[in-house]
Amino acid sequence: MKKVTDPDGFSVSQLLGLGQQSARKSYYPELTARMAELEAERNRYKWLFENALHGIFQAVLDGPLLTANPALAAMLGDATVEVTLARCGSLAALFAEPEEAEGVAALLRRHGHLQGHTTWLAGSDGRRVPVALTLLRKPNQGEEILVEGFVADITERERARQELLALNARLEARVRERTQRLEQLNTDLAGEVAERRLMEQQLRAARDLAQEANRSKDRYLAAASHDLLQPLNAARLLVSTLRERELDADSLRLVNSIHLSLEGAEELLTDLLDIARLDQERIQPQHECFPISRMLCGLVAEYAPRAQRKALRFRCVESSVCLNSDFRLLGRVLRNLLSNACRYTESGGVLLGVRRIGAMASIEVHDTGPGIPADQLQAIFREYHQLNAERARHRQGVGLGLAIVERICERLGLAISVTSTPGRGSCFAVRVPICAPQAEHWQRPELLLPAGPLQGRRLLVVDNDSSILVGMQALLEQWGMQCDVAHDLEEVLMLDLPPPDALLVDLHLDAGETGDQLVAKLRRHWQLPRLPAVVITADRSDAWRRRLADGNIPLLHKPLRPGRLRAVLSQLLRQ
């Protein structure tokens, strides 16, 4: 029986050449079985052709589109296969672009097949359908080249590709945007760096100006302190001389008032200079091991007379321990504490003592003064803080003494504490490390030095300030000493003086000569290499202190405190 889909309109029987002999097919059982198998195979192929998921078509390479399956029609958007065959009359019409059809034909002629070629087919309503195309050239059947095509719809893949391209485009746009932002940030950063460099240059210039201003201030303070302390020192010496003379009550009261005023001015200047040097860290500790008795001796000689003038008891508890600290700075701390104790105590007494606590020595200053409220125990160490100083007549000093004490203790690494009972008195304690005594330490002197070592002793005073010489001569002669004075070495040699028992020399003399140089010259002049000498100065620099300490020359700062001077001279002349 002839079927519509049979090639060239022939039935299977006709293809086999049986023709009208089908009536005799019962005589050919094997042939009948073979025909059944062929028919079954043909039906299976037809079923696969019509139900395949991918599009299938047959066409002449340069001719018409012969057949197509429903999957291809659906892929192209056509309702039926017939619509597809009618719309695409040729193989070339199946492609969306004519030049693409020519290229495919050329490849097929050259290679005989084409596999996985991606292209666009012409869909209905002008749509372009992305596909993966596989073409097979069938064996030659005359002059026409038959082609079988297998078409896979890659619309989803193409959509994913397009989305990927769009995503890549967005990413590239973001990268460009970020790059532009980074470039802008780099430009801004370069501007900030340039601005910072300019600021650093300005800061360095400002720092240099500030340092130069500090150096200028230091020079001014040094000059001002020297110029101010020189006349103050002369006045203090003269007033101290008057205080030790027998005067009537009115004169003595006036002299004591002058003494208190000068003492206040001296402490103000000294405290201001010290606080400035501490803030600039120009004071560097020089630790050494020394016997505490060496320090107590000078403190007692300096402050016992001061307490006695106020009718206060002054007692010192001796100790033989050796301390590891800076002798000068620790002495400054204790002098400030003793000065406050004597100043604010009106009745009772002052006690200076040493208590051993393990490896530490607690140096304590007790007084029977007005005491300190509990809520003020920390505030008293602030600068310019004074208790009960709401009125000017209650103020004593400017409130820098304890601030200096605290800063020096911090610099030395020492702990300071205070306990107080209002109305009964206070106790300030400084803890200092104890060290093992050494053979070269001084022998423990007597704490209360008599005035005997100064009586009848000869002292040479050299200072380029005539007022200092007048005041110093009057004070020393008041103590029973013989005092010669001179302005420089030339005047000393002109006077042709006998060797004195000790020298008291100013540090900065005329013509750039210094006190230590003058001491060395006078020792050579009298051939007394161990002639005792003391240098006095308003210069508080560490460099001069170390230089004089290396030369084993005691140093006293202006304005001189008579008690301190007397203690040092007594110590030198007793050796």
Protein backbone atom coordinates (compact mmCIF):
# COMPACT_ATOMS: atom_id res chain seq x y z
CA MET A 1 0.00 0.00 0.00
CA LYS A 2 1.38 3.38 -0.93
CA LYS A 3 1.90 5.92 1.89
CA VAL A 4 2.09 9.66 1.70
CA THR A 5 5.45 9.85 3.47
CA ASP A 6 7.17 7.22 1.31
CA PRO A 7 10.04 8.69 -0.75
CA ASP A 8 9.06 9.40 -4.37
CA GLY A 9 5.59 8.05 -3.67
CA PHE A 10 6.59 4.32 -3.87
CA SER A 11 5.24 1.73 -1.48
CA VAL A 12 7.48 -0.76 0.26
CA SER A 13 6.15 -3.55 -1.97
CA GLN A 14 6.97 -1.61 -5.10
CA LEU A 15 10.42 -0.83 -3.78
CA LEU A 16 11.00 -4.54 -3.34
CA GLY A 17 9.84 -5.22 -6.93
CA LEU A 18 6.89 -7.40 -6.05
CA GLY A 19 4.25 -5.43 -7.90
CA GLN A 20 1.07 -7.47 -8.51
CA GLN A 21 2.67 -10.59 -7.21
CA SER A 22 1.50 -9.81 -3.69
CA ALA A 23 -1.16 -12.41 -4.12
CA ARG A 24 1.53 -14.90 -4.09
CA LYS A 25 3.26 -13.68 -0.98
CA SER A 26 1.99 -16.58 1.02
CA TYR A 27 4.42 -18.55 -1.00
CA TYR A 28 7.31 -16.52 0.30
CA PRO A 29 7.22 -16.74 4.12
CA GLU A 30 10.74 -15.46 4.68
CA LEU A 31 10.14 -12.48 2.45
CA THR A 32 6.97 -11.73 4.32
CA ALA A 33 8.80 -11.77 7.65
CA ARG A 34 11.47 -9.49 6.28
CA MET A 35 8.86 -7.05 5.04
CA ALA A 36 7.21 -7.03 8.47
CA GLU A 37 10.50 -6.21 10.11
CA LEU A 38 11.11 -3.41 7.63
CA GLU A 39 7.64 -2.03 8.24
CA ALA A 40 8.18 -2.10 11.98
CA GLU A 41 11.53 -0.38 11.63
CA ARG A 42 9.96 2.23 9.35
CA ASN A 43 7.21 2.92 11.87
CA ARG A 44 9.76 3.21 14.69
CA TYR A 45 11.79 5.69 12.66
CA LYS A 46 8.65 7.62 11.89
CA TRP A 47 7.71 7.67 15.56
CA LEU A 48 11.16 8.91 16.51
CA PHE A 49 11.09 11.48 13.73
CA GLU A 50 7.73 12.87 14.80
CA ASN A 51 8.32 12.75 18.57
CA ALA A 52 11.97 13.78 18.79
CA LEU A 53 12.76 16.63 21.20
CA HIS A 54 15.14 18.23 18.73
CA GLY A 55 14.26 19.49 15.32
CA ILE A 56 14.98 17.23 12.30
CA PHE A 57 14.74 18.12 8.65
CA GLN A 58 15.77 16.92 5.20
CA ALA A 59 16.63 19.26 2.36
CA VAL A 60 18.50 19.62 -0.87
CA LEU A 61 21.67 21.62 -0.29
CA ASP A 62 20.89 24.18 -2.96
CA GLY A 63 17.24 23.32 -3.18
CA PRO A 64 14.02 23.02 -1.26
CA LEU A 65 13.32 21.97 2.29
CA LEU A 66 11.89 18.47 1.83
CA THR A 67 10.56 17.54 5.24
CA ALA A 68 10.67 18.55 8.89
CA ASN A 69 9.43 17.15 12.16
CA PRO A 70 6.95 18.81 14.57
CA ALA A 71 9.75 19.70 17.02
CA LEU A 72 11.36 21.95 14.40
CA ALA A 73 8.04 23.56 13.59
CA ALA A 74 7.40 24.25 17.28
CA MET A 75 10.94 25.53 17.68
CA LEU A 76 10.40 28.04 14.88
CA GLY A 77 6.98 29.05 16.21
CA ASP A 78 4.94 27.47 13.42
CA ALA A 79 1.64 25.73 14.12
CA THR A 80 2.35 22.71 11.87
CA VAL A 81 5.07 21.19 9.77
CA GLU A 82 3.20 22.19 6.65
CA VAL A 83 3.38 25.86 7.72
CA THR A 84 7.12 25.53 8.17
CA LEU A 85 7.57 23.86 4.77
CA ALA A 86 5.44 26.50 3.13
CA ARG A 87 7.24 29.41 4.86
CA CYS A 88 10.74 28.05 4.28
CA GLY A 89 10.66 26.90 0.70
CA SER A 90 14.41 26.29 0.56
CA LEU A 91 17.24 25.38 2.86
CA ALA A 92 18.63 28.90 2.57
CA ALA A 93 15.27 30.35 3.67
CA LEU A 94 15.55 28.37 6.88
CA PHE A 95 18.42 30.61 8.07
CA ALA A 96 17.81 34.06 9.50
CA GLU A 97 20.68 35.54 7.48
CA PRO A 98 21.34 34.59 3.81
CA GLU A 99 25.11 34.90 4.11
CA GLU A 100 25.00 32.42 6.99
CA ALA A 101 23.29 29.88 4.66
CA GLU A 102 26.05 30.36 2.10
CA GLY A 103 28.73 29.84 4.71
CA VAL A 104 27.08 26.66 6.01
CA ALA A 105 26.77 25.29 2.46
CA ALA A 106 30.45 25.97 1.80
CA LEU A 107 31.52 24.21 4.99
CA LEU A 108 29.31 21.22 4.22
CA ARG A 109 30.73 20.87 0.70
CA ARG A 110 34.26 21.06 2.07
CA HIS A 111 33.95 18.72 5.06
CA GLY A 112 30.83 16.65 4.29
CA HIS A 113 29.38 17.35 7.72
CA LEU A 114 28.90 20.14 10.22
CA GLN A 115 28.53 19.51 13.96
CA GLY A 116 27.47 21.80 16.80
CA HIS A 117 27.45 24.92 14.61
CA THR A 118 25.63 27.73 16.37
CA THR A 119 23.52 30.00 14.21
CA TRP A 120 20.18 31.74 13.98
CA LEU A 121 17.14 30.22 12.15
CA ALA A 122 14.26 32.25 10.83
CA GLY A 123 11.26 31.87 13.10
CA SER A 124 7.70 33.00 12.54
CA ASP A 125 6.84 36.67 12.86
CA GLY A 126 10.43 37.57 12.05
CA ARG A 127 11.86 35.95 15.19
CA ARG A 128 15.42 34.79 15.29
CA VAL A 129 15.84 31.43 16.99
CA PRO A 130 19.31 30.51 18.33
CA VAL A 131 20.17 26.89 17.57
CA ALA A 132 23.06 24.40 17.55
CA LEU A 133 23.01 22.81 14.10
CA THR A 134 24.42 19.44 13.01
CA LEU A 135 24.31 18.68 9.24
CA LEU A 136 25.12 15.38 7.52
CA ARG A 137 25.63 15.04 3.80
CA LYS A 138 23.91 11.87 2.55
CA PRO A 139 25.61 9.65 -0.03
CA ASN A 140 25.31 10.89 -3.62
CA GLN A 141 21.92 10.28 -5.15
CA GLY A 142 22.31 11.85 -8.48
CA GLU A 143 23.27 15.48 -8.95
CA GLU A 144 21.41 16.74 -5.90
CA ILE A 145 23.12 16.82 -2.54
CA LEU A 146 20.74 15.68 0.18
CA VAL A 147 21.26 17.01 3.67
CA GLU A 148 19.87 15.80 6.99
CA GLY A 149 19.84 18.31 9.77
CA PHE A 150 19.50 17.99 13.54
CA VAL A 151 18.60 21.17 15.38
CA ALA A 152 18.93 21.84 19.15
CA ASP A 153 17.18 24.88 20.58
CA ILE A 154 19.74 26.87 22.57
CA THR A 155 17.43 29.74 23.46
CA GLU A 156 17.94 29.19 27.18
CA ARG A 157 21.65 28.84 26.71
CA GLU A 158 21.69 31.98 24.59
CA ARG A 159 19.61 33.79 27.17
CA ALA A 160 22.03 32.67 29.85
CA ARG A 161 24.90 33.78 27.62
CA GLN A 162 23.25 37.14 27.11
CA GLU A 163 22.65 37.46 30.83
CA LEU A 164 26.25 36.52 31.41
CA LEU A 165 27.35 39.13 28.90
CA ALA A 166 25.09 41.67 30.59
CA LEU A 167 26.47 40.65 33.97
CA ASN A 168 29.99 40.96 32.64
CA ALA A 169 29.10 44.36 31.23
CA ARG A 170 27.70 45.41 34.60
CA LEU A 171 30.76 44.06 36.35
CA GLU A 172 33.01 45.89 33.92
CA ALA A 173 30.98 49.03 34.50
CA ARG A 174 31.33 48.57 38.27
CA VAL A 175 35.03 47.89 37.85
CA ARG A 176 35.36 51.06 35.79
CA GLU A 177 33.35 52.94 38.38
CA ARG A 178 35.43 51.54 41.22
CA THR A 179 38.58 52.25 39.26
CA GLN A 180 37.47 55.82 38.73
CA ARG A 181 36.65 56.11 42.40
CA LEU A 182 40.04 54.65 43.33
CA GLU A 183 41.74 57.01 40.94
CA GLN A 184 39.80 59.87 42.51
CA LEU A 185 40.71 58.61 45.97
CA ASN A 186 44.34 58.34 44.91
CA THR A 187 44.15 61.88 43.58
CA ASP A 188 42.54 63.04 46.83
CA LEU A 189 45.09 61.05 48.84
CA ALA A 190 47.93 62.59 46.86
CA GLY A 191 46.43 65.97 47.65
CA GLU A 192 46.14 65.06 51.33
CA VAL A 193 49.72 63.79 51.34
CA ALA A 194 50.88 67.04 49.78
CA GLU A 195 48.77 68.98 52.28
CA ARG A 196 50.14 66.87 55.14
CA ARG A 197 53.68 67.45 53.97
CA LEU A 198 52.96 71.16 53.87
CA MET A 199 51.48 70.93 57.36
CA GLU A 200 54.50 68.95 58.56
CA GLN A 201 56.78 71.62 57.14
CA GLN A 202 54.71 74.27 58.86
CA LEU A 203 54.75 72.25 62.09
CA ARG A 204 58.51 71.83 61.85
CA ALA A 205 58.85 75.54 61.26
CA ALA A 206 56.53 76.20 64.22
CA ARG A 207 58.49 73.70 66.32
CA ASP A 208 61.75 75.40 65.38
CA LEU A 209 60.24 78.73 66.30
CA ALA A 210 58.95 77.29 69.59
CA GLN A 211 62.34 75.76 70.36
CA GLU A 212 64.04 79.02 69.56
CA ALA A 213 61.48 80.79 71.75
CA ASN A 214 62.23 78.29 74.53
CA ARG A 215 65.95 78.84 74.12
CA SER A 216 65.35 82.57 74.15
CA LYS A 217 63.17 82.17 77.23
CA ASP A 218 65.84 80.03 78.88
CA ARG A 219 68.45 82.67 78.12
CA TYR A 220 66.12 85.34 79.43
CA LEU A 221 65.36 83.35 82.58
CA ALA A 222 69.04 82.71 83.14
CA ALA A 223 69.89 86.39 82.68
CA ALA A 224 66.86 87.58 84.63
CA SER A 225 67.44 85.13 87.46
CA HIS A 226 71.07 86.21 87.71
CA ASP A 227 70.23 89.91 87.54
CA LEU A 228 67.35 89.56 90.01
CA LEU A 229 69.05 87.18 92.41
CA GLN A 230 72.26 89.22 92.63
CA PRO A 231 70.72 92.26 94.43
CA LEU A 232 68.35 89.95 96.30
CA ASN A 233 71.31 87.96 97.54
CA ALA A 234 73.09 91.11 98.72
CA ALA A 235 69.93 92.29 100.51
CA ARG A 236 69.45 88.92 102.19
CA LEU A 237 73.04 88.93 103.44
CA LEU A 238 72.71 92.43 104.86
CA VAL A 239 69.36 91.71 106.51
CA SER A 240 70.71 88.47 107.99
CA THR A 241 73.59 90.45 109.44
CA LEU A 242 71.20 92.93 111.00
CA ARG A 243 69.02 90.16 112.44
CA GLU A 244 71.96 88.76 114.36
CA ARG A 245 72.80 92.11 115.95
CA GLU A 246 71.30 93.55 119.06
CA LEU A 247 68.58 95.96 117.92
CA ASP A 248 65.74 97.71 119.65
CA ALA A 249 62.28 96.19 119.30
CA ASP A 250 61.05 98.51 116.55
CA SER A 251 64.20 98.08 114.47
CA LEU A 252 64.14 94.34 114.94
CA ARG A 253 60.49 94.20 113.85
CA LEU A 254 61.31 96.16 110.70
CA VAL A 255 64.32 93.98 109.95
CA ASN A 256 62.25 90.82 110.40
CA SER A 257 59.58 92.21 108.04
CA ILE A 258 62.24 92.96 105.44
CA HIS A 259 63.66 89.47 105.95
CA LEU A 260 60.26 87.82 105.40
CA SER A 261 59.63 89.90 102.28
CA LEU A 262 63.02 89.03 100.83
CA GLU A 263 62.60 85.40 101.78
CA GLY A 264 59.23 85.31 99.99
CA ALA A 265 60.70 86.91 96.87
CA GLU A 266 63.61 84.47 96.95
CA GLU A 267 61.35 81.43 97.28
CA LEU A 268 59.07 82.72 94.52
CA LEU A 269 61.95 83.15 92.07
CA THR A 270 63.56 79.86 93.03
CA ASP A 271 60.28 77.94 92.74
CA LEU A 272 59.45 79.49 89.36
CA LEU A 273 62.89 78.63 88.00
CA ASP A 274 62.72 75.08 89.36
CA ILE A 275 59.21 74.39 88.07
CA ALA A 276 60.23 75.65 84.60
CA ARG A 277 63.30 73.40 84.56
CA LEU A 278 61.28 70.41 85.74
CA ASP A 279 58.65 70.97 83.04
CA GLN A 280 61.39 71.12 80.39
CA GLU A 281 63.03 67.98 81.84
CA ARG A 282 66.30 69.84 82.12
CA ILE A 283 66.97 68.36 85.56
CA GLN A 284 68.56 64.94 85.23
CA PRO A 285 69.03 62.83 88.39
CA GLN A 286 72.54 61.73 89.35
CA HIS A 287 72.16 58.74 91.68
CA GLU A 288 74.82 57.94 94.21
CA CYS A 289 75.15 56.07 97.48
CA PHE A 290 75.58 58.43 100.45
CA PRO A 291 75.01 58.34 104.22
CA ILE A 292 71.78 60.00 105.34
CA SER A 293 73.69 61.60 108.23
CA ARG A 294 75.55 63.74 105.68
CA MET A 295 72.23 65.22 104.57
CA LEU A 296 70.67 65.47 108.04
CA CYS A 297 73.64 67.48 109.28
CA GLY A 298 73.10 70.25 106.77
CA LEU A 299 69.31 70.25 107.23
CA VAL A 300 69.60 70.59 111.01
CA ALA A 301 72.16 73.39 110.74
CA GLU A 302 69.91 75.22 108.27
CA TYR A 303 66.45 74.81 109.82
CA ALA A 304 67.07 74.46 113.57
CA PRO A 305 67.84 78.22 113.93
CA ARG A 306 64.80 79.01 111.78
CA ALA A 307 62.54 76.99 114.06
CA GLN A 308 64.13 78.48 117.19
CA ARG A 309 63.36 82.01 115.97
CA LYS A 310 59.67 81.03 116.06
CA ALA A 311 60.09 79.43 119.50
CA LEU A 312 59.52 75.96 117.99
CA ARG A 313 61.21 72.77 119.13
CA PHE A 314 63.32 71.24 116.38
CA ARG A 315 64.37 67.61 116.83
CA CYS A 316 66.17 65.22 114.51
CA VAL A 317 66.33 61.44 114.93
CA GLU A 318 69.74 60.25 113.80
CA SER A 319 70.28 57.35 111.38
CA SER A 320 73.31 55.54 110.01
CA VAL A 321 71.75 54.11 106.80
CA CYS A 322 73.06 54.93 103.33
CA LEU A 323 70.67 55.97 100.58
CA ASN A 324 70.75 55.47 96.82
CA SER A 325 69.40 58.66 95.25
CA ASP A 326 70.34 62.11 93.97
CA PHE A 327 71.80 63.96 96.96
CA ARG A 328 70.96 67.43 95.68
CA LEU A 329 67.39 66.72 94.48
CA LEU A 330 66.47 64.73 97.57
CA GLY A 331 67.83 67.59 99.69
CA ARG A 332 65.60 69.98 97.72
CA VAL A 333 62.57 67.83 98.55
CA LEU A 334 63.35 67.75 102.28
CA ARG A 335 64.11 71.47 102.37
CA ASN A 336 60.72 72.25 100.88
CA LEU A 337 59.01 69.99 103.43
CA LEU A 338 60.95 71.49 106.35
CA SER A 339 60.34 75.00 105.07
CA ASN A 340 56.58 74.37 104.98
CA ALA A 341 56.66 72.79 108.44
CA CYS A 342 58.47 75.76 109.94
CA ARG A 343 56.32 78.27 108.06
CA TYR A 344 52.87 76.91 108.98
CA THR A 345 53.58 75.71 112.53
CA GLU A 346 52.90 78.40 115.12
CA SER A 347 53.43 76.38 118.29
CA GLY A 348 54.85 73.02 119.22
CA GLY A 349 57.69 71.69 117.13
CA VAL A 350 59.09 70.05 114.02
CA LEU A 351 60.58 66.55 113.89
CA LEU A 352 62.91 65.24 111.17
CA GLY A 353 63.44 61.49 111.35
CA VAL A 354 64.31 58.35 109.40
CA ARG A 355 62.42 55.07 109.75
CA ARG A 356 63.77 51.87 108.20
CA ILE A 357 61.13 49.75 106.42
CA GLY A 358 62.71 46.69 104.83
CA ALA A 359 64.97 47.78 101.98
CA MET A 360 63.60 51.33 102.12
CA ALA A 361 64.19 54.30 104.37
CA SER A 362 61.20 56.50 105.13
CA ILE A 363 62.41 60.06 105.69
CA GLU A 364 59.65 61.83 107.61
CA VAL A 365 58.90 65.44 108.52
CA HIS A 366 56.38 65.83 111.36
CA ASP A 367 54.90 69.11 112.53
CA THR A 368 52.26 70.32 114.97
CA GLY A 369 50.72 72.77 112.53
CA PRO A 370 47.04 73.30 111.65
CA GLY A 371 46.79 70.02 109.69
CA ILE A 372 45.23 69.30 106.31
CA PRO A 373 41.60 68.24 105.68
CA ALA A 374 41.24 64.74 104.17
CA ASP A 375 39.65 66.06 100.98
CA GLN A 376 42.68 68.32 100.38
CA LEU A 377 45.47 65.73 100.75
CA GLN A 378 45.85 65.36 96.97
CA ALA A 379 45.02 68.94 96.01
CA ILE A 380 47.96 70.35 97.99
CA PHE A 381 50.35 68.97 95.36
CA ARG A 382 48.76 71.04 92.59
CA GLU A 383 50.51 74.17 91.39
CA TYR A 384 49.53 77.44 93.09
CA HIS A 385 47.24 75.63 95.53
CA GLN A 386 47.26 76.92 99.11
CA LEU A 387 45.05 76.04 102.03
CA ASN A 388 43.10 78.78 103.75
CA ALA A 389 44.40 81.39 101.31
CA GLU A 390 41.14 83.08 100.37
CA ARG A 391 42.51 86.30 101.77
CA ALA A 392 45.84 87.81 100.84
CA ARG A 393 46.98 88.07 104.44
CA HIS A 394 46.70 84.29 104.81
CA ARG A 395 48.88 83.52 101.81
CA GLN A 396 52.46 82.41 102.26
CA GLY A 397 54.43 81.87 99.07
CA VAL A 398 52.69 81.02 95.79
CA GLY A 399 51.91 77.34 96.33
CA LEU A 400 54.67 75.75 94.23
CA GLY A 401 56.68 74.04 96.96
CA LEU A 402 54.74 70.76 97.10
CA ALA A 403 54.26 70.72 93.33
CA ILE A 404 58.05 70.81 93.02
CA VAL A 405 58.35 68.09 95.67
CA GLU A 406 55.99 65.79 93.78
CA ARG A 407 57.71 66.33 90.42
CA ILE A 408 61.17 65.74 91.82
CA CYS A 409 59.96 62.54 93.50
CA GLU A 410 58.50 61.38 90.18
CA ARG A 411 61.80 62.12 88.47
CA LEU A 412 63.69 60.18 91.16
CA GLY A 413 61.16 57.33 91.22
CA LEU A 414 60.33 57.90 94.89
CA ALA A 415 56.99 57.56 96.65
CA ILE A 416 55.75 60.45 98.76
CA SER A 417 52.84 60.21 101.17
CA VAL A 418 51.08 62.51 103.62
CA THR A 419 48.95 61.89 106.68
CA SER A 420 47.33 64.65 108.67
CA THR A 421 44.92 65.35 111.49
CA PRO A 422 43.31 68.79 111.36
CA GLY A 423 44.23 70.77 114.45
CA ARG A 424 47.06 68.42 115.44
CA GLY A 425 49.58 68.41 112.62
CA SER A 426 50.85 66.59 109.53
CA CYS A 427 53.48 64.07 108.47
CA PHE A 428 55.13 63.99 105.04
CA ALA A 429 57.17 60.85 104.26
CA VAL A 430 59.48 60.06 101.34
CA ARG A 431 60.64 56.46 100.79
CA VAL A 432 64.19 56.10 99.45
CA PRO A 433 66.09 52.87 98.60
CA ILE A 434 68.82 51.84 101.05
CA CYS A 435 72.26 50.90 99.72
CA ALA A 436 75.29 49.22 101.30
CA PRO A 437 77.76 51.70 102.89
CA GLN A 438 81.11 52.16 101.18
CA ALA A 439 84.50 52.95 102.67
CA GLU A 440 84.83 56.31 100.94
CA HIS A 441 81.68 57.70 102.53
CA TRP A 442 82.09 60.57 104.97
CA GLN A 443 82.17 59.83 108.63
CA ARG A 444 78.85 60.56 110.29
CA PRO A 445 79.06 64.17 111.54
CA GLU A 446 77.35 65.64 114.53
CA LEU A 447 73.92 66.88 113.63
CA LEU A 448 73.96 70.08 115.67
CA LEU A 449 77.11 71.88 114.67
CA PRO A 450 78.41 74.51 117.09
CA ALA A 451 79.58 77.84 115.85
CA GLY A 452 83.10 77.09 117.12
CA PRO A 453 84.63 76.06 113.75
CA LEU A 454 83.95 79.54 112.32
CA GLN A 455 85.34 81.65 115.14
CA GLY A 456 88.58 83.36 114.12
CA ARG A 457 88.77 81.63 110.74
CA ARG A 458 89.89 83.64 107.72
CA LEU A 459 87.75 83.56 104.57
CA LEU A 460 88.43 85.13 101.17
CA VAL A 461 85.32 86.18 99.22
CA VAL A 462 85.66 86.91 95.48
CA ASP A 463 82.65 88.36 93.62
CA ASN A 464 82.35 90.96 90.87
CA ASP A 465 79.33 92.54 92.60
CA SER A 466 80.35 95.08 95.27
CA SER A 467 77.01 94.85 97.09
CA ILE A 468 77.47 91.09 97.48
CA LEU A 469 80.94 91.65 98.93
CA VAL A 470 79.63 94.22 101.46
CA GLY A 471 76.81 91.96 102.60
CA MET A 472 78.97 88.85 102.75
CA GLN A 473 81.71 90.58 104.74
CA ALA A 474 79.22 91.95 107.26
CA LEU A 475 77.58 88.53 107.75
CA LEU A 476 80.80 86.56 108.09
CA GLU A 477 82.32 89.02 110.52
CA GLN A 478 79.09 88.81 112.48
CA TRP A 479 79.88 85.11 112.87
CA GLY A 480 83.33 85.92 114.26
CA MET A 481 85.29 85.27 111.05
CA GLN A 482 87.96 87.40 109.42
CA CYS A 483 86.79 88.24 105.90
CA ASP A 484 88.83 89.56 102.99
CA VAL A 485 87.03 90.54 99.80
CA ALA A 486 88.12 91.08 96.20
CA HIS A 487 86.55 91.47 92.75
CA ASP A 488 88.99 89.28 90.80
CA LEU A 489 92.37 87.51 90.84
CA GLU A 490 94.28 90.68 90.03
CA GLU A 491 92.88 92.40 93.12
CA VAL A 492 93.68 89.37 95.30
CA LEU A 493 97.29 89.41 94.14
CA MET A 494 97.47 93.17 94.65
CA LEU A 495 96.30 92.82 98.27
CA ASP A 496 99.08 90.29 98.91
CA LEU A 497 96.90 88.37 101.39
CA PRO A 498 98.06 85.43 103.47
CA PRO A 499 96.48 82.05 102.65
CA PRO A 500 92.87 81.95 103.94
CA ASP A 501 91.23 78.97 105.64
CA ALA A 502 88.64 78.77 102.83
CA LEU A 503 87.51 80.42 99.61
CA LEU A 504 84.02 81.67 98.76
CA VAL A 505 83.95 82.48 95.03
CA ASP A 506 81.25 83.56 92.60
CA LEU A 507 80.86 81.29 89.53
CA HIS A 508 80.66 83.92 86.79
CA LEU A 509 83.31 86.61 87.13
CA ASP A 510 84.46 89.37 84.80
CA ALA A 511 86.33 88.75 81.55
CA GLY A 512 84.72 85.30 81.19
CA GLU A 513 86.61 83.79 84.12
CA THR A 514 84.75 81.16 86.17
CA GLY A 515 84.91 80.37 89.86
CA ASP A 516 86.45 76.92 89.48
CA GLN A 517 89.23 78.38 87.33
CA LEU A 518 89.92 81.05 89.96
CA VAL A 519 89.99 78.43 92.74
CA ALA A 520 92.57 76.42 90.78
CA LYS A 521 94.74 79.54 90.28
CA LEU A 522 94.58 80.54 93.95
CA ARG A 523 95.44 77.02 95.08
CA ARG A 524 98.51 77.11 92.85
CA HIS A 525 99.35 80.65 94.06
CA TRP A 526 99.41 79.59 97.72
CA GLN A 527 100.57 76.05 96.91
CA LEU A 528 97.61 74.59 98.76
CA PRO A 529 96.04 72.00 96.44
CA ARG A 530 93.40 71.06 99.07
CA LEU A 531 92.44 74.60 100.08
CA PRO A 532 88.67 74.38 100.92
CA ALA A 533 86.49 76.32 98.51
CA VAL A 534 82.79 76.98 97.90
CA VAL A 535 81.33 78.35 94.67
CA ILE A 536 78.15 80.43 94.74
CA THR A 537 75.97 81.17 91.71
CA ALA A 538 72.48 81.94 90.44
CA ASP A 539 73.05 79.49 87.56
CA ARG A 540 71.09 76.28 88.28
CA SER A 541 72.13 74.25 85.22
CA ASP A 542 73.04 70.58 85.67
CA ALA A 543 76.16 71.01 83.55
CA TRP A 544 77.78 73.38 86.08
CA ARG A 545 76.66 71.25 88.99
CA ARG A 546 78.32 68.17 87.48
CA ARG A 547 81.47 70.11 86.56
CA LEU A 548 81.91 71.45 90.10
CA ALA A 549 81.06 68.06 91.63
CA ASP A 550 83.80 66.48 89.49
CA GLY A 551 86.19 69.09 90.92
CA ASN A 552 85.00 68.28 94.47
CA ILE A 553 83.88 71.91 94.99
CA PRO A 554 80.62 72.47 96.94
CA LEU A 555 78.03 74.59 95.14
CA LEU A 556 75.56 76.99 96.75
CA HIS A 557 72.83 78.82 94.87
CA LYS A 558 71.93 82.46 95.22
CA PRO A 559 70.24 83.92 97.13
CA LEU A 560 72.33 82.37 99.88
CA ARG A 561 70.56 81.15 102.95
CA PRO A 562 72.76 82.03 105.90
CA GLY A 563 71.96 78.80 107.68
CA ARG A 564 72.94 76.76 104.64
CA LEU A 565 76.16 78.76 104.16
CA ARG A 566 77.05 78.38 107.80
CA ALA A 567 76.48 74.62 107.69
CA VAL A 568 78.66 74.16 104.59
CA LEU A 569 81.48 76.33 105.92
CA SER A 570 81.39 74.58 109.29
CA GLN A 571 81.57 71.20 107.56
CA LEU A 572 84.55 72.25 105.39
CA LEU A 573 86.48 73.83 108.23
CA ARG A 574 85.97 70.85 110.58
CA GLN A 575 87.57 68.38 108.18
